[in-house]
Amino acid sequence: MKVTKDLVAASATPMVLGILAEADSYGYAIIRRIHELSGGELDWTEGLLYPLLHRLERLGYVESSWQSVAGERRRKYYSITESGLAELAEQRRQWETVVDALKEIWRGHGDSRPMTAMPFGGPA
């Protein structure tokens, strides 16, 4: 299955904020986590992630800092801010509205599979 670019773009901010709400992280680890959470269906690139991280940083939703781990190269770690947590909560409310509407629309259309929770966490 190929997830459309429009759906990936729409879900990118809450996914990244949700991952950073779990723990501080760096680019490659965020890409790996998205791949893991989607069961391998979402295959993000650096070209998608880094412009998003930079935009979230400009908006004040994330902060970054360079960190070194013994035996490894320096990495830029991102952490969610209080403003980012508030935005994540708002994004979650909006996505829950969309998911609930889709469940209602699909209820009588022969698809008996239950929809599961959103693939990203974070505070409600």
C-alpha atoms as a PDB file:
ATOM      1  CA  MET A   1       0.000   0.000   0.000  1.00  0.00           C
ATOM      2  CA  LYS A   2       1.234   3.490  -0.823  1.00  0.00           C
ATOM      3  CA  VAL A   3       0.117   6.272   1.518  1.00  0.00           C
ATOM      4  CA  THR A   4      -0.560   9.408  -0.506  1.00  0.00           C
ATOM      5  CA  LYS A   5       1.648  12.467  -0.151  1.00  0.00           C
ATOM      6  CA  ASP A   6      -1.348  14.518   1.000  1.00  0.00           C
ATOM      7  CA  LEU A   7      -2.064  12.154   3.891  1.00  0.00           C
ATOM      8  CA  VAL A   8       1.610  11.955   4.847  1.00  0.00           C
ATOM      9  CA  ALA A   9       1.872  15.747   4.828  1.00  0.00           C
ATOM     10  CA  ALA A  10      -1.296  16.176   6.891  1.00  0.00           C
ATOM     11  CA  SER A  11      -0.159  13.710   9.538  1.00  0.00           C
ATOM     12  CA  ALA A  12       3.520  14.681   9.690  1.00  0.00           C
ATOM     13  CA  THR A  13       3.320  17.356  12.395  1.00  0.00           C
ATOM     14  CA  PRO A  14       1.306  15.369  14.936  1.00  0.00           C
ATOM     15  CA  MET A  15       3.435  12.292  14.302  1.00  0.00           C
ATOM     16  CA  VAL A  16       6.722  14.078  14.928  1.00  0.00           C
ATOM     17  CA  LEU A  17       5.370  15.966  17.935  1.00  0.00           C
ATOM     18  CA  GLY A  18       3.972  12.697  19.327  1.00  0.00           C
ATOM     19  CA  ILE A  19       7.325  10.952  18.933  1.00  0.00           C
ATOM     20  CA  LEU A  20       9.141  13.835  20.619  1.00  0.00           C
ATOM     21  CA  ALA A  21       6.566  13.778  23.436  1.00  0.00           C
ATOM     22  CA  GLU A  22       7.753  10.209  24.114  1.00  0.00           C
ATOM     23  CA  ALA A  23      11.423  11.243  24.310  1.00  0.00           C
ATOM     24  CA  ASP A  24      14.014  13.563  22.782  1.00  0.00           C
ATOM     25  CA  SER A  25      15.292  12.170  19.516  1.00  0.00           C
ATOM     26  CA  TYR A  26      17.392  12.809  16.415  1.00  0.00           C
ATOM     27  CA  GLY A  27      16.475  12.668  12.737  1.00  0.00           C
ATOM     28  CA  TYR A  28      17.360   9.119  11.795  1.00  0.00           C
ATOM     29  CA  ALA A  29      15.752   7.727  14.968  1.00  0.00           C
ATOM     30  CA  ILE A  30      12.540   9.671  14.223  1.00  0.00           C
ATOM     31  CA  ILE A  31      12.436   8.226  10.697  1.00  0.00           C
ATOM     32  CA  ARG A  32      13.012   4.727  12.121  1.00  0.00           C
ATOM     33  CA  ARG A  33      10.241   5.210  14.710  1.00  0.00           C
ATOM     34  CA  ILE A  34       7.738   6.323  12.064  1.00  0.00           C
ATOM     35  CA  HIS A  35       8.619   3.279   9.972  1.00  0.00           C
ATOM     36  CA  GLU A  36       8.154   1.063  13.048  1.00  0.00           C
ATOM     37  CA  LEU A  37       4.849   2.657  14.127  1.00  0.00           C
ATOM     38  CA  SER A  38       3.393   2.277  10.634  1.00  0.00           C
ATOM     39  CA  GLY A  39       4.353  -1.372  10.311  1.00  0.00           C
ATOM     40  CA  GLY A  40       6.734  -0.396   7.531  1.00  0.00           C
ATOM     41  CA  GLU A  41       4.086   1.389   5.470  1.00  0.00           C
ATOM     42  CA  LEU A  42       5.529   4.892   5.927  1.00  0.00           C
ATOM     43  CA  ASP A  43       9.011   5.325   4.555  1.00  0.00           C
ATOM     44  CA  TRP A  44      10.004   8.912   5.313  1.00  0.00           C
ATOM     45  CA  THR A  45      13.123  10.517   3.910  1.00  0.00           C
ATOM     46  CA  GLU A  46      15.428  13.151   5.356  1.00  0.00           C
ATOM     47  CA  GLY A  47      14.030  15.506   2.709  1.00  0.00           C
ATOM     48  CA  LEU A  48      10.611  15.252   4.341  1.00  0.00           C
ATOM     49  CA  LEU A  49      11.689  15.252   7.977  1.00  0.00           C
ATOM     50  CA  TYR A  50      14.314  17.976   8.270  1.00  0.00           C
ATOM     51  CA  PRO A  51      12.305  20.816   6.700  1.00  0.00           C
ATOM     52  CA  LEU A  52       9.448  19.858   9.047  1.00  0.00           C
ATOM     53  CA  LEU A  53      11.738  19.859  12.100  1.00  0.00           C
ATOM     54  CA  HIS A  54      13.114  23.261  11.107  1.00  0.00           C
ATOM     55  CA  ARG A  55       9.582  24.641  10.692  1.00  0.00           C
ATOM     56  CA  LEU A  56       8.515  23.225  14.065  1.00  0.00           C
ATOM     57  CA  GLU A  57      11.597  24.825  15.613  1.00  0.00           C
ATOM     58  CA  ARG A  58      10.780  28.224  14.038  1.00  0.00           C
ATOM     59  CA  LEU A  59       7.236  27.932  15.423  1.00  0.00           C
ATOM     60  CA  GLY A  60       8.633  27.236  18.899  1.00  0.00           C
ATOM     61  CA  TYR A  61       7.189  23.703  19.107  1.00  0.00           C
ATOM     62  CA  VAL A  62      10.594  22.003  19.297  1.00  0.00           C
ATOM     63  CA  GLU A  63      14.100  22.924  20.411  1.00  0.00           C
ATOM     64  CA  SER A  64      17.349  21.397  19.232  1.00  0.00           C
ATOM     65  CA  SER A  65      20.794  20.874  20.677  1.00  0.00           C
ATOM     66  CA  TRP A  66      23.937  19.127  19.538  1.00  0.00           C
ATOM     67  CA  GLN A  67      24.915  16.153  21.688  1.00  0.00           C
ATOM     68  CA  SER A  68      27.852  13.783  21.629  1.00  0.00           C
ATOM     69  CA  VAL A  69      27.789  10.196  22.762  1.00  0.00           C
ATOM     70  CA  ALA A  70      31.107   8.440  23.424  1.00  0.00           C
ATOM     71  CA  GLY A  71      32.255   6.569  20.359  1.00  0.00           C
ATOM     72  CA  GLU A  72      29.629   8.132  18.073  1.00  0.00           C
ATOM     73  CA  ARG A  73      29.450  11.294  16.006  1.00  0.00           C
ATOM     74  CA  ARG A  74      27.635  14.387  17.229  1.00  0.00           C
ATOM     75  CA  ARG A  75      23.907  14.401  16.599  1.00  0.00           C
ATOM     76  CA  LYS A  76      21.320  17.134  16.673  1.00  0.00           C
ATOM     77  CA  TYR A  77      18.631  16.125  19.151  1.00  0.00           C
ATOM     78  CA  TYR A  78      15.155  17.597  19.122  1.00  0.00           C
ATOM     79  CA  SER A  79      12.878  18.012  22.121  1.00  0.00           C
ATOM     80  CA  ILE A  80       9.283  19.146  22.357  1.00  0.00           C
ATOM     81  CA  THR A  81       8.516  22.429  24.143  1.00  0.00           C
ATOM     82  CA  GLU A  82       5.516  23.353  26.289  1.00  0.00           C
ATOM     83  CA  SER A  83       4.111  25.135  23.243  1.00  0.00           C
ATOM     84  CA  GLY A  84       4.691  21.956  21.229  1.00  0.00           C
ATOM     85  CA  LEU A  85       2.810  19.886  23.804  1.00  0.00           C
ATOM     86  CA  ALA A  86      -0.124  22.296  23.552  1.00  0.00           C
ATOM     87  CA  GLU A  87      -0.035  22.055  19.746  1.00  0.00           C
ATOM     88  CA  LEU A  88       0.104  18.258  19.946  1.00  0.00           C
ATOM     89  CA  ALA A  89      -3.002  18.261  22.152  1.00  0.00           C
ATOM     90  CA  GLU A  90      -4.810  20.485  19.638  1.00  0.00           C
ATOM     91  CA  GLN A  91      -3.686  18.328  16.686  1.00  0.00           C
ATOM     92  CA  ARG A  92      -4.866  15.246  18.546  1.00  0.00           C
ATOM     93  CA  ARG A  93      -8.325  16.769  19.098  1.00  0.00           C
ATOM     94  CA  GLN A  94      -8.554  17.591  15.410  1.00  0.00           C
ATOM     95  CA  TRP A  95      -7.420  14.136  14.297  1.00  0.00           C
ATOM     96  CA  GLU A  96      -9.862  12.442  16.666  1.00  0.00           C
ATOM     97  CA  THR A  97     -12.665  14.449  15.030  1.00  0.00           C
ATOM     98  CA  VAL A  98     -11.531  13.352  11.561  1.00  0.00           C
ATOM     99  CA  VAL A  99     -11.116   9.695  12.597  1.00  0.00           C
ATOM    100  CA  ASP A 100     -14.538   9.644  14.286  1.00  0.00           C
ATOM    101  CA  ALA A 101     -16.167  11.091  11.161  1.00  0.00           C
ATOM    102  CA  LEU A 102     -14.443   8.512   8.966  1.00  0.00           C
ATOM    103  CA  LYS A 103     -15.585   5.693  11.261  1.00  0.00           C
ATOM    104  CA  GLU A 104     -19.180   6.885  10.890  1.00  0.00           C
ATOM    105  CA  ILE A 105     -18.882   7.183   7.110  1.00  0.00           C
ATOM    106  CA  TRP A 106     -17.347   3.723   6.762  1.00  0.00           C
ATOM    107  CA  ARG A 107     -19.640   2.027   9.272  1.00  0.00           C
ATOM    108  CA  GLY A 108     -22.169   0.777   6.723  1.00  0.00           C
ATOM    109  CA  HIS A 109     -19.834   0.186   3.815  1.00  0.00           C
ATOM    110  CA  GLY A 110     -18.991  -3.471   4.344  1.00  0.00           C
ATOM    111  CA  ASP A 111     -15.664  -2.960   6.047  1.00  0.00           C
ATOM    112  CA  SER A 112     -16.044  -4.773   9.349  1.00  0.00           C
ATOM    113  CA  ARG A 113     -12.431  -4.256  10.413  1.00  0.00           C
ATOM    114  CA  PRO A 114     -12.227  -2.030  13.488  1.00  0.00           C
ATOM    115  CA  MET A 115     -10.224   1.167  13.167  1.00  0.00           C
ATOM    116  CA  THR A 116      -7.423   1.314  15.689  1.00  0.00           C
ATOM    117  CA  ALA A 117      -6.105   4.233  17.672  1.00  0.00           C
ATOM    118  CA  MET A 118      -3.974   6.910  16.063  1.00  0.00           C
ATOM    119  CA  PRO A 119      -0.399   5.791  15.313  1.00  0.00           C
ATOM    120  CA  PHE A 120       1.093   8.586  17.386  1.00  0.00           C
ATOM    121  CA  GLY A 121       0.988   9.164  21.071  1.00  0.00           C
ATOM    122  CA  GLY A 122       1.395  12.099  23.315  1.00  0.00           C
ATOM    123  CA  PRO A 123      -0.690  13.837  25.894  1.00  0.00           C
ATOM    124  CA  ALA A 124      -4.394  14.274  25.310  1.00  0.00           C
END
